[in-house]
Amino acid sequence: MNQDCSCACGASRFAVNGKPIGRFFCHCTICQKVYGKPFADVTYFRADAVALPAGQPVEFRRYRSPPALRRGKCAKCNNPVVAFLTMVPGVNVAFFPSQNFTRPAELPVPDRHIFYHRRVADIPDSIPKLSGYWPSQAHVTRMVFADLFRSKRAA
């Protein structure tokens, strides 16, 4: 996948070139605050798949103690742009608001609702729902490491 992406106002632009690891709906209270919505629709990739050109008006912040996502928001429109997480040394992941992609039909379908215990309202869909901190974290971690091992086998 090779797509140009941007925040809602278009001031913060970046390119993604790589295969998505996955996509989920996150109901954690931090996502609710950062996105200003009941949940975030997030697509994630290896961090080396993103090219965030220098000079972009993106301000990064952590909303809890590390290890935590380093979340970037556009300084002009205050919308989320990208978040980065180092899971272990050498394993870096980038998380993107799915609405920032120019061709969202190319994104994978969401495979989980995570942090569902923090939901604002029930979601009546057939996507599996994970409640609790550890089950939610474990799902994303499993997906990232499964992708890493698949890539090493293919190399």
Protein backbone atom coordinates (compact mmCIF):
# COMPACT_ATOMS: atom_id res chain seq x y z
CA MET A 1 0.00 0.00 0.00
CA ASN A 2 1.27 3.42 -0.93
CA GLN A 3 -0.94 6.34 0.10
CA ASP A 4 -0.67 10.01 0.85
CA CYS A 5 -2.45 10.99 4.03
CA SER A 6 -3.28 14.17 5.89
CA CYS A 7 -5.08 15.57 8.87
CA ALA A 8 -8.53 17.10 8.44
CA CYS A 9 -7.24 20.57 7.51
CA GLY A 10 -4.48 19.26 5.22
CA ALA A 11 -1.64 21.11 6.97
CA SER A 12 -0.01 17.90 8.27
CA ARG A 13 0.78 15.57 5.38
CA PHE A 14 2.61 12.28 5.28
CA ALA A 15 3.06 9.21 3.12
CA VAL A 16 2.59 5.56 4.06
CA ASN A 17 4.31 2.87 2.04
CA GLY A 18 3.92 -0.63 3.43
CA LYS A 19 1.50 -3.36 4.33
CA PRO A 20 -0.84 -2.60 7.22
CA ILE A 21 -0.48 -4.87 10.23
CA GLY A 22 -4.12 -4.42 11.13
CA ARG A 23 -6.96 -2.15 12.07
CA PHE A 24 -9.05 -1.85 15.22
CA PHE A 25 -11.55 0.35 17.01
CA CYS A 26 -10.11 1.65 20.28
CA HIS A 27 -12.46 2.67 23.08
CA CYS A 28 -9.82 3.70 25.65
CA THR A 29 -10.39 6.97 27.46
CA ILE A 30 -7.23 8.49 25.97
CA CYS A 31 -8.45 7.85 22.41
CA GLN A 32 -11.85 9.25 23.35
CA LYS A 33 -10.12 12.43 24.56
CA VAL A 34 -7.62 12.75 21.69
CA TYR A 35 -10.09 11.96 18.91
CA GLY A 36 -13.06 13.72 20.49
CA LYS A 37 -15.20 10.69 19.63
CA PRO A 38 -16.57 7.61 21.44
CA PHE A 39 -13.81 5.48 19.85
CA ALA A 40 -10.92 5.73 17.41
CA ASP A 41 -10.69 3.87 14.10
CA VAL A 42 -6.97 3.05 13.88
CA THR A 43 -4.85 1.37 11.19
CA TYR A 44 -1.32 0.40 12.19
CA PHE A 45 1.92 -0.30 10.33
CA ARG A 46 5.58 -0.78 11.07
CA ALA A 47 6.96 2.66 11.82
CA ASP A 48 9.41 2.51 8.92
CA ALA A 49 6.41 2.56 6.55
CA VAL A 50 5.70 6.22 7.31
CA ALA A 51 7.43 9.25 5.88
CA LEU A 52 6.58 12.32 7.93
CA PRO A 53 8.44 15.15 6.20
CA ALA A 54 10.34 17.67 8.33
CA GLY A 55 8.56 20.91 9.01
CA GLN A 56 5.11 19.39 9.44
CA PRO A 57 3.03 21.17 12.12
CA VAL A 58 2.74 18.01 14.25
CA GLU A 59 3.05 18.25 18.02
CA PHE A 60 3.79 15.03 19.91
CA ARG A 61 2.71 14.22 23.44
CA ARG A 62 2.37 11.22 25.74
CA TYR A 63 -0.85 11.01 27.73
CA ARG A 64 0.45 8.53 30.28
CA SER A 65 3.80 7.27 31.56
CA PRO A 66 5.98 5.28 29.15
CA PRO A 67 5.79 2.86 27.63
CA ALA A 68 3.04 4.77 25.95
CA LEU A 69 2.11 6.00 22.52
CA ARG A 70 3.77 9.21 21.44
CA ARG A 71 0.71 10.80 19.85
CA GLY A 72 1.01 13.49 17.19
CA LYS A 73 -1.71 16.04 16.56
CA CYS A 74 -1.79 18.76 13.92
CA ALA A 75 -0.87 22.10 15.51
CA LYS A 76 -3.32 23.87 13.19
CA CYS A 77 -6.53 21.79 13.44
CA ASN A 78 -5.70 19.79 16.62
CA ASN A 79 -6.69 16.50 14.95
CA PRO A 80 -4.68 13.29 15.39
CA VAL A 81 -2.09 12.61 12.68
CA VAL A 82 0.04 9.65 13.79
CA ALA A 83 1.21 7.93 16.96
CA PHE A 84 4.40 5.95 17.50
CA LEU A 85 5.23 3.17 19.95
CA THR A 86 8.45 1.28 20.56
CA MET A 87 7.23 -2.13 21.74
CA VAL A 88 10.75 -3.46 22.31
CA PRO A 89 14.03 -2.13 20.89
CA GLY A 90 13.87 -2.49 17.10
CA VAL A 91 10.09 -3.05 16.98
CA ASN A 92 8.46 0.29 16.29
CA VAL A 93 4.83 0.71 15.31
CA ALA A 94 2.93 3.65 13.81
CA PHE A 95 -0.79 4.10 14.42
CA PHE A 96 -2.88 6.24 12.07
CA PRO A 97 -6.43 7.54 12.23
CA SER A 98 -8.07 5.61 9.40
CA GLN A 99 -9.94 8.72 8.25
CA ASN A 100 -6.59 10.33 7.32
CA PHE A 101 -6.08 7.98 4.35
CA THR A 102 -7.06 9.25 0.90
CA ARG A 103 -8.24 5.79 -0.20
CA PRO A 104 -9.79 4.16 2.88
CA ALA A 105 -11.27 1.32 0.80
CA GLU A 106 -7.70 -0.10 0.55
CA LEU A 107 -7.41 -0.43 4.33
CA PRO A 108 -8.05 -3.76 6.05
CA VAL A 109 -11.39 -4.21 7.78
CA PRO A 110 -11.26 -3.70 11.56
CA ASP A 111 -10.71 -6.99 13.38
CA ARG A 112 -11.40 -5.96 17.01
CA HIS A 113 -12.90 -3.45 19.35
CA ILE A 114 -10.26 -3.00 22.07
CA PHE A 115 -10.64 -1.47 25.54
CA TYR A 116 -14.35 -2.17 25.07
CA HIS A 117 -14.91 -1.92 28.82
CA ARG A 118 -14.40 1.86 28.38
CA ARG A 119 -17.04 2.17 25.65
CA VAL A 120 -19.44 5.09 25.71
CA ALA A 121 -22.21 2.97 24.16
CA ASP A 122 -22.65 -0.60 22.98
CA ILE A 123 -21.67 -1.18 19.35
CA PRO A 124 -24.06 -3.61 17.58
CA ASP A 125 -21.71 -5.21 15.07
CA SER A 126 -20.14 -8.65 14.64
CA ILE A 127 -16.55 -7.51 15.27
CA PRO A 128 -15.10 -9.23 18.36
CA LYS A 129 -14.89 -7.07 21.47
CA LEU A 130 -12.04 -7.19 23.99
CA SER A 131 -12.50 -5.77 27.47
CA GLY A 132 -9.71 -5.08 29.91
CA TYR A 133 -6.28 -3.55 29.60
CA TRP A 134 -4.23 -6.74 29.20
CA PRO A 135 -6.45 -8.52 26.65
CA SER A 136 -6.56 -5.35 24.55
CA GLN A 137 -2.78 -4.83 24.72
CA ALA A 138 -2.14 -8.52 24.06
CA HIS A 139 -4.19 -8.48 20.85
CA VAL A 140 -2.20 -5.62 19.30
CA THR A 141 1.10 -7.11 20.52
CA ARG A 142 0.25 -10.52 18.99
CA MET A 143 -0.63 -8.89 15.68
CA VAL A 144 2.62 -6.89 15.56
CA PHE A 145 4.84 -9.87 16.40
CA ALA A 146 2.95 -12.19 14.03
CA ASP A 147 3.60 -9.66 11.25
CA LEU A 148 7.26 -9.44 12.22
CA PHE A 149 7.73 -13.22 12.13
CA ARG A 150 5.83 -13.53 8.82
CA SER A 151 8.17 -10.97 7.28
CA LYS A 152 11.30 -12.71 8.57
CA ARG A 153 10.10 -16.03 7.17
CA ALA A 154 9.41 -14.46 3.78
CA ALA A 155 12.87 -12.85 3.63
